[in-house]
Amino acid sequence: MSALGVPLDAAAVRKDFPVLDRVIHGRRVVYLDSAASSQKPRAVIEALSRFYETSFAPIHRSAYELATEAT
């Protein structure tokens, strides 16, 4: 049950995390270790990829357009 009282669709959530598509030793991955790191949903991976492909630059250090976008 979600915080809003709506049933959680675990299959839909699983689809958002590409790493959970993996099969290791014949079993689908279940990731419970989030103390030090967490898995990223597809939307975050895609946003980071777009950023690295189009706007990556040092932040707060330059006056050129790419640095402004990155900041």
PDB file of N, CA and C in Angstrom:
ATOM      1  N   MET A   1       0.854  -1.170   0.000  1.00  0.00           N
ATOM      2  CA  MET A   1       0.000   0.000   0.000  1.00  0.00           C
ATOM      3  C   MET A   1       0.904   1.238   0.000  1.00  0.00           C
ATOM      4  N   SER A   2       0.603   2.189  -0.834  1.00  0.00           N
ATOM      5  CA  SER A   2       1.396   3.419  -0.873  1.00  0.00           C
ATOM      6  C   SER A   2       0.967   4.359   0.252  1.00  0.00           C
ATOM      7  N   ALA A   3       1.704   5.457   0.390  1.00  0.00           N
ATOM      8  CA  ALA A   3       1.378   6.445   1.423  1.00  0.00           C
ATOM      9  C   ALA A   3       0.008   7.074   1.191  1.00  0.00           C
ATOM     10  N   LEU A   4      -0.458   7.034  -0.072  1.00  0.00           N
ATOM     11  CA  LEU A   4      -1.758   7.609  -0.399  1.00  0.00           C
ATOM     12  C   LEU A   4      -2.897   6.598  -0.270  1.00  0.00           C
ATOM     13  N   GLY A   5      -2.566   5.387   0.195  1.00  0.00           N
ATOM     14  CA  GLY A   5      -3.586   4.363   0.358  1.00  0.00           C
ATOM     15  C   GLY A   5      -3.927   3.627  -0.921  1.00  0.00           C
ATOM     16  N   VAL A   6      -3.116   3.838  -1.964  1.00  0.00           N
ATOM     17  CA  VAL A   6      -3.323   3.163  -3.252  1.00  0.00           C
ATOM     18  C   VAL A   6      -2.400   1.952  -3.299  1.00  0.00           C
ATOM     19  N   PRO A   7      -2.884   0.802  -3.765  1.00  0.00           N
ATOM     20  CA  PRO A   7      -2.002  -0.368  -3.843  1.00  0.00           C
ATOM     21  C   PRO A   7      -0.775  -0.084  -4.709  1.00  0.00           C
ATOM     22  N   LEU A   8       0.381  -0.549  -4.257  1.00  0.00           N
ATOM     23  CA  LEU A   8       1.635  -0.370  -4.983  1.00  0.00           C
ATOM     24  C   LEU A   8       1.717  -1.384  -6.106  1.00  0.00           C
ATOM     25  N   ASP A   9       1.989  -0.924  -7.313  1.00  0.00           N
ATOM     26  CA  ASP A   9       2.164  -1.807  -8.463  1.00  0.00           C
ATOM     27  C   ASP A   9       3.652  -2.117  -8.590  1.00  0.00           C
ATOM     28  N   ALA A  10       4.096  -3.179  -7.916  1.00  0.00           N
ATOM     29  CA  ALA A  10       5.520  -3.528  -7.876  1.00  0.00           C
ATOM     30  C   ALA A  10       6.071  -3.801  -9.269  1.00  0.00           C
ATOM     31  N   ALA A  11       5.306  -4.394 -10.155  1.00  0.00           N
ATOM     32  CA  ALA A  11       5.779  -4.675 -11.512  1.00  0.00           C
ATOM     33  C   ALA A  11       6.058  -3.379 -12.270  1.00  0.00           C
ATOM     34  N   ALA A  12       5.218  -2.383 -12.084  1.00  0.00           N
ATOM     35  CA  ALA A  12       5.427  -1.090 -12.743  1.00  0.00           C
ATOM     36  C   ALA A  12       6.659  -0.393 -12.181  1.00  0.00           C
ATOM     37  N   VAL A  13       6.842  -0.460 -10.879  1.00  0.00           N
ATOM     38  CA  VAL A  13       8.027   0.143 -10.259  1.00  0.00           C
ATOM     39  C   VAL A  13       9.278  -0.556 -10.757  1.00  0.00           C
ATOM     40  N   ARG A  14       9.265  -1.872 -10.809  1.00  0.00           N
ATOM     41  CA  ARG A  14      10.407  -2.660 -11.268  1.00  0.00           C
ATOM     42  C   ARG A  14      10.818  -2.248 -12.682  1.00  0.00           C
ATOM     43  N   LYS A  15       9.852  -1.943 -13.549  1.00  0.00           N
ATOM     44  CA  LYS A  15      10.156  -1.549 -14.936  1.00  0.00           C
ATOM     45  C   LYS A  15      10.934  -0.242 -15.002  1.00  0.00           C
ATOM     46  N   ASP A  16      10.818   0.597 -13.976  1.00  0.00           N
ATOM     47  CA  ASP A  16      11.539   1.871 -13.954  1.00  0.00           C
ATOM     48  C   ASP A  16      13.026   1.714 -13.642  1.00  0.00           C
ATOM     49  N   PHE A  17      13.444   0.559 -13.161  1.00  0.00           N
ATOM     50  CA  PHE A  17      14.829   0.346 -12.746  1.00  0.00           C
ATOM     51  C   PHE A  17      15.473  -0.730 -13.618  1.00  0.00           C
ATOM     52  N   PRO A  18      16.276  -0.316 -14.605  1.00  0.00           N
ATOM     53  CA  PRO A  18      16.863  -1.280 -15.554  1.00  0.00           C
ATOM     54  C   PRO A  18      17.656  -2.404 -14.892  1.00  0.00           C
ATOM     55  N   VAL A  19      18.362  -2.123 -13.804  1.00  0.00           N
ATOM     56  CA  VAL A  19      19.163  -3.163 -13.156  1.00  0.00           C
ATOM     57  C   VAL A  19      18.295  -4.330 -12.696  1.00  0.00           C
ATOM     58  N   LEU A  20      17.029  -4.077 -12.416  1.00  0.00           N
ATOM     59  CA  LEU A  20      16.150  -5.140 -11.937  1.00  0.00           C
ATOM     60  C   LEU A  20      15.699  -6.082 -13.044  1.00  0.00           C
ATOM     61  N   ASP A  21      16.076  -5.777 -14.293  1.00  0.00           N
ATOM     62  CA  ASP A  21      15.823  -6.699 -15.408  1.00  0.00           C
ATOM     63  C   ASP A  21      16.862  -7.812 -15.467  1.00  0.00           C
ATOM     64  N   ARG A  22      17.951  -7.630 -14.745  1.00  0.00           N
ATOM     65  CA  ARG A  22      19.035  -8.616 -14.796  1.00  0.00           C
ATOM     66  C   ARG A  22      18.643  -9.918 -14.117  1.00  0.00           C
ATOM     67  N   VAL A  23      19.249 -10.984 -14.627  1.00  0.00           N
ATOM     68  CA  VAL A  23      19.117 -12.306 -14.022  1.00  0.00           C
ATOM     69  C   VAL A  23      20.532 -12.749 -13.651  1.00  0.00           C
ATOM     70  N   ILE A  24      20.734 -13.091 -12.391  1.00  0.00           N
ATOM     71  CA  ILE A  24      22.036 -13.540 -11.912  1.00  0.00           C
ATOM     72  C   ILE A  24      21.842 -14.899 -11.258  1.00  0.00           C
ATOM     73  N   HIS A  25      22.638 -15.865 -11.695  1.00  0.00           N
ATOM     74  CA  HIS A  25      22.533 -17.244 -11.189  1.00  0.00           C
ATOM     75  C   HIS A  25      21.107 -17.775 -11.322  1.00  0.00           C
ATOM     76  N   GLY A  26      20.462 -17.407 -12.425  1.00  0.00           N
ATOM     77  CA  GLY A  26      19.131 -17.928 -12.711  1.00  0.00           C
ATOM     78  C   GLY A  26      17.989 -17.240 -11.978  1.00  0.00           C
ATOM     79  N   ARG A  27      18.290 -16.173 -11.259  1.00  0.00           N
ATOM     80  CA  ARG A  27      17.243 -15.482 -10.496  1.00  0.00           C
ATOM     81  C   ARG A  27      17.238 -13.995 -10.823  1.00  0.00           C
ATOM     82  N   ARG A  28      16.046 -13.404 -10.852  1.00  0.00           N
ATOM     83  CA  ARG A  28      15.933 -11.965 -11.082  1.00  0.00           C
ATOM     84  C   ARG A  28      16.519 -11.203  -9.905  1.00  0.00           C
ATOM     85  N   VAL A  29      17.161 -10.102 -10.209  1.00  0.00           N
ATOM     86  CA  VAL A  29      17.770  -9.280  -9.168  1.00  0.00           C
ATOM     87  C   VAL A  29      16.697  -8.658  -8.283  1.00  0.00           C
ATOM     88  N   VAL A  30      16.942  -8.716  -6.985  1.00  0.00           N
ATOM     89  CA  VAL A  30      16.159  -7.993  -5.983  1.00  0.00           C
ATOM     90  C   VAL A  30      17.175  -7.161  -5.227  1.00  0.00           C
ATOM     91  N   TYR A  31      17.017  -5.858  -5.223  1.00  0.00           N
ATOM     92  CA  TYR A  31      18.013  -4.967  -4.632  1.00  0.00           C
ATOM     93  C   TYR A  31      17.460  -4.359  -3.356  1.00  0.00           C
ATOM     94  N   LEU A  32      18.060  -4.715  -2.238  1.00  0.00           N
ATOM     95  CA  LEU A  32      17.595  -4.213  -0.949  1.00  0.00           C
ATOM     96  C   LEU A  32      18.637  -3.347  -0.243  1.00  0.00           C
ATOM     97  N   ASP A  33      19.859  -3.294  -0.752  1.00  0.00           N
ATOM     98  CA  ASP A  33      20.947  -2.567  -0.104  1.00  0.00           C
ATOM     99  C   ASP A  33      20.950  -1.114  -0.547  1.00  0.00           C
ATOM    100  N   SER A  34      20.364  -0.230   0.232  1.00  0.00           N
ATOM    101  CA  SER A  34      20.361   1.190  -0.123  1.00  0.00           C
ATOM    102  C   SER A  34      21.044   2.041   0.941  1.00  0.00           C
ATOM    103  N   ALA A  35      21.799   1.415   1.831  1.00  0.00           N
ATOM    104  CA  ALA A  35      22.470   2.165   2.885  1.00  0.00           C
ATOM    105  C   ALA A  35      23.561   3.070   2.323  1.00  0.00           C
ATOM    106  N   ALA A  36      24.325   2.576   1.350  1.00  0.00           N
ATOM    107  CA  ALA A  36      25.438   3.352   0.800  1.00  0.00           C
ATOM    108  C   ALA A  36      25.143   3.897  -0.590  1.00  0.00           C
ATOM    109  N   SER A  37      24.277   3.244  -1.305  1.00  0.00           N
ATOM    110  CA  SER A  37      23.941   3.694  -2.661  1.00  0.00           C
ATOM    111  C   SER A  37      22.548   3.200  -3.010  1.00  0.00           C
ATOM    112  N   SER A  38      21.982   3.805  -4.010  1.00  0.00           N
ATOM    113  CA  SER A  38      20.670   3.356  -4.445  1.00  0.00           C
ATOM    114  C   SER A  38      20.659   3.233  -5.959  1.00  0.00           C
ATOM    115  N   GLN A  39      19.819   2.375  -6.449  1.00  0.00           N
ATOM    116  CA  GLN A  39      19.691   2.202  -7.891  1.00  0.00           C
ATOM    117  C   GLN A  39      18.938   3.392  -8.465  1.00  0.00           C
ATOM    118  N   LYS A  40      19.240   3.712  -9.698  1.00  0.00           N
ATOM    119  CA  LYS A  40      18.623   4.878 -10.335  1.00  0.00           C
ATOM    120  C   LYS A  40      17.502   4.434 -11.270  1.00  0.00           C
ATOM    121  N   PRO A  41      16.369   5.136 -11.232  1.00  0.00           N
ATOM    122  CA  PRO A  41      15.301   4.822 -12.177  1.00  0.00           C
ATOM    123  C   PRO A  41      15.687   5.294 -13.582  1.00  0.00           C
ATOM    124  N   ARG A  42      15.072   4.696 -14.566  1.00  0.00           N
ATOM    125  CA  ARG A  42      15.362   4.987 -15.972  1.00  0.00           C
ATOM    126  C   ARG A  42      15.311   6.489 -16.271  1.00  0.00           C
ATOM    127  N   ALA A  43      14.351   7.211 -15.707  1.00  0.00           N
ATOM    128  CA  ALA A  43      14.225   8.650 -15.975  1.00  0.00           C
ATOM    129  C   ALA A  43      15.471   9.412 -15.532  1.00  0.00           C
ATOM    130  N   VAL A  44      16.052   9.029 -14.408  1.00  0.00           N
ATOM    131  CA  VAL A  44      17.267   9.689 -13.915  1.00  0.00           C
ATOM    132  C   VAL A  44      18.449   9.336 -14.813  1.00  0.00           C
ATOM    133  N   ILE A  45      18.572   8.078 -15.202  1.00  0.00           N
ATOM    134  CA  ILE A  45      19.649   7.651 -16.093  1.00  0.00           C
ATOM    135  C   ILE A  45      19.577   8.406 -17.415  1.00  0.00           C
ATOM    136  N   GLU A  46      18.376   8.528 -17.959  1.00  0.00           N
ATOM    137  CA  GLU A  46      18.202   9.235 -19.230  1.00  0.00           C
ATOM    138  C   GLU A  46      18.521  10.717 -19.087  1.00  0.00           C
ATOM    139  N   ALA A  47      18.105  11.335 -17.982  1.00  0.00           N
ATOM    140  CA  ALA A  47      18.391  12.761 -17.767  1.00  0.00           C
ATOM    141  C   ALA A  47      19.893  12.993 -17.625  1.00  0.00           C
ATOM    142  N   LEU A  48      20.560  12.138 -16.872  1.00  0.00           N
ATOM    143  CA  LEU A  48      22.012  12.266 -16.732  1.00  0.00           C
ATOM    144  C   LEU A  48      22.713  12.070 -18.065  1.00  0.00           C
ATOM    145  N   SER A  49      22.262  11.114 -18.831  1.00  0.00           N
ATOM    146  CA  SER A  49      22.850  10.871 -20.146  1.00  0.00           C
ATOM    147  C   SER A  49      22.700  12.097 -21.047  1.00  0.00           C
ATOM    148  N   ARG A  50      21.495  12.686 -21.062  1.00  0.00           N
ATOM    149  CA  ARG A  50      21.274  13.907 -21.860  1.00  0.00           C
ATOM    150  C   ARG A  50      22.204  15.023 -21.402  1.00  0.00           C
ATOM    151  N   PHE A  51      22.341  15.184 -20.090  1.00  0.00           N
ATOM    152  CA  PHE A  51      23.213  16.219 -19.541  1.00  0.00           C
ATOM    153  C   PHE A  51      24.657  15.993 -19.983  1.00  0.00           C
ATOM    154  N   TYR A  52      25.169  14.780 -19.831  1.00  0.00           N
ATOM    155  CA  TYR A  52      26.548  14.494 -20.225  1.00  0.00           C
ATOM    156  C   TYR A  52      26.760  14.665 -21.725  1.00  0.00           C
ATOM    157  N   GLU A  53      25.746  14.352 -22.511  1.00  0.00           N
ATOM    158  CA  GLU A  53      25.866  14.474 -23.969  1.00  0.00           C
ATOM    159  C   GLU A  53      25.761  15.911 -24.458  1.00  0.00           C
ATOM    160  N   THR A  54      25.051  16.769 -23.744  1.00  0.00           N
ATOM    161  CA  THR A  54      24.755  18.095 -24.300  1.00  0.00           C
ATOM    162  C   THR A  54      25.206  19.281 -23.476  1.00  0.00           C
ATOM    163  N   SER A  55      25.396  19.135 -22.178  1.00  0.00           N
ATOM    164  CA  SER A  55      25.605  20.322 -21.343  1.00  0.00           C
ATOM    165  C   SER A  55      26.709  20.199 -20.310  1.00  0.00           C
ATOM    166  N   PHE A  56      27.463  19.124 -20.301  1.00  0.00           N
ATOM    167  CA  PHE A  56      28.459  18.931 -19.255  1.00  0.00           C
ATOM    168  C   PHE A  56      29.554  19.986 -19.323  1.00  0.00           C
ATOM    169  N   ALA A  57      29.832  20.629 -18.209  1.00  0.00           N
ATOM    170  CA  ALA A  57      30.892  21.638 -18.094  1.00  0.00           C
ATOM    171  C   ALA A  57      31.094  21.915 -16.604  1.00  0.00           C
ATOM    172  N   PRO A  58      32.200  22.553 -16.253  1.00  0.00           N
ATOM    173  CA  PRO A  58      32.416  22.907 -14.845  1.00  0.00           C
ATOM    174  C   PRO A  58      31.336  23.894 -14.379  1.00  0.00           C
ATOM    175  N   ILE A  59      30.796  23.651 -13.205  1.00  0.00           N
ATOM    176  CA  ILE A  59      29.756  24.552 -12.710  1.00  0.00           C
ATOM    177  C   ILE A  59      30.370  25.642 -11.841  1.00  0.00           C
ATOM    178  N   HIS A  60      29.719  26.780 -11.779  1.00  0.00           N
ATOM    179  CA  HIS A  60      30.127  27.913 -10.934  1.00  0.00           C
ATOM    180  C   HIS A  60      31.548  28.392 -11.214  1.00  0.00           C
ATOM    181  N   ARG A  61      32.096  28.099 -12.412  1.00  0.00           N
ATOM    182  CA  ARG A  61      33.487  28.458 -12.659  1.00  0.00           C
ATOM    183  C   ARG A  61      33.685  29.258 -13.932  1.00  0.00           C
ATOM    184  N   SER A  62      32.724  29.281 -14.783  1.00  0.00           N
ATOM    185  CA  SER A  62      32.935  29.917 -16.080  1.00  0.00           C
ATOM    186  C   SER A  62      31.716  30.714 -16.488  1.00  0.00           C
ATOM    187  N   ALA A  63      31.923  31.612 -17.439  1.00  0.00           N
ATOM    188  CA  ALA A  63      30.833  32.470 -17.904  1.00  0.00           C
ATOM    189  C   ALA A  63      30.305  32.030 -19.258  1.00  0.00           C
ATOM    190  N   TYR A  64      30.841  30.965 -19.823  1.00  0.00           N
ATOM    191  CA  TYR A  64      30.356  30.524 -21.126  1.00  0.00           C
ATOM    192  C   TYR A  64      29.066  29.725 -20.995  1.00  0.00           C
ATOM    193  N   GLU A  65      28.358  29.582 -22.093  1.00  0.00           N
ATOM    194  CA  GLU A  65      27.010  29.034 -22.098  1.00  0.00           C
ATOM    195  C   GLU A  65      26.912  27.633 -21.492  1.00  0.00           C
ATOM    196  N   LEU A  66      27.816  26.729 -21.850  1.00  0.00           N
ATOM    197  CA  LEU A  66      27.726  25.373 -21.311  1.00  0.00           C
ATOM    198  C   LEU A  66      27.849  25.366 -19.778  1.00  0.00           C
ATOM    199  N   ALA A  67      28.751  26.178 -19.251  1.00  0.00           N
ATOM    200  CA  ALA A  67      28.896  26.239 -17.801  1.00  0.00           C
ATOM    201  C   ALA A  67      27.641  26.812 -17.150  1.00  0.00           C
ATOM    202  N   THR A  68      27.035  27.783 -17.800  1.00  0.00           N
ATOM    203  CA  THR A  68      25.797  28.364 -17.284  1.00  0.00           C
ATOM    204  C   THR A  68      24.692  27.309 -17.258  1.00  0.00           C
ATOM    205  N   GLU A  69      24.566  26.539 -18.332  1.00  0.00           N
ATOM    206  CA  GLU A  69      23.556  25.480 -18.387  1.00  0.00           C
ATOM    207  C   GLU A  69      23.816  24.420 -17.310  1.00  0.00           C
ATOM    208  N   ALA A  70      25.073  24.028 -17.149  1.00  0.00           N
ATOM    209  CA  ALA A  70      25.411  22.990 -16.167  1.00  0.00           C
ATOM    210  C   ALA A  70      25.129  23.468 -14.748  1.00  0.00           C
ATOM    211  N   THR A  71      25.369  24.749 -14.506  1.00  0.00           N
ATOM    212  CA  THR A  71      25.133  25.299 -13.183  1.00  0.00           C
ATOM    213  C   THR A  71      23.649  25.309 -12.876  1.00  0.00           C
TER     214      THR A  71
END
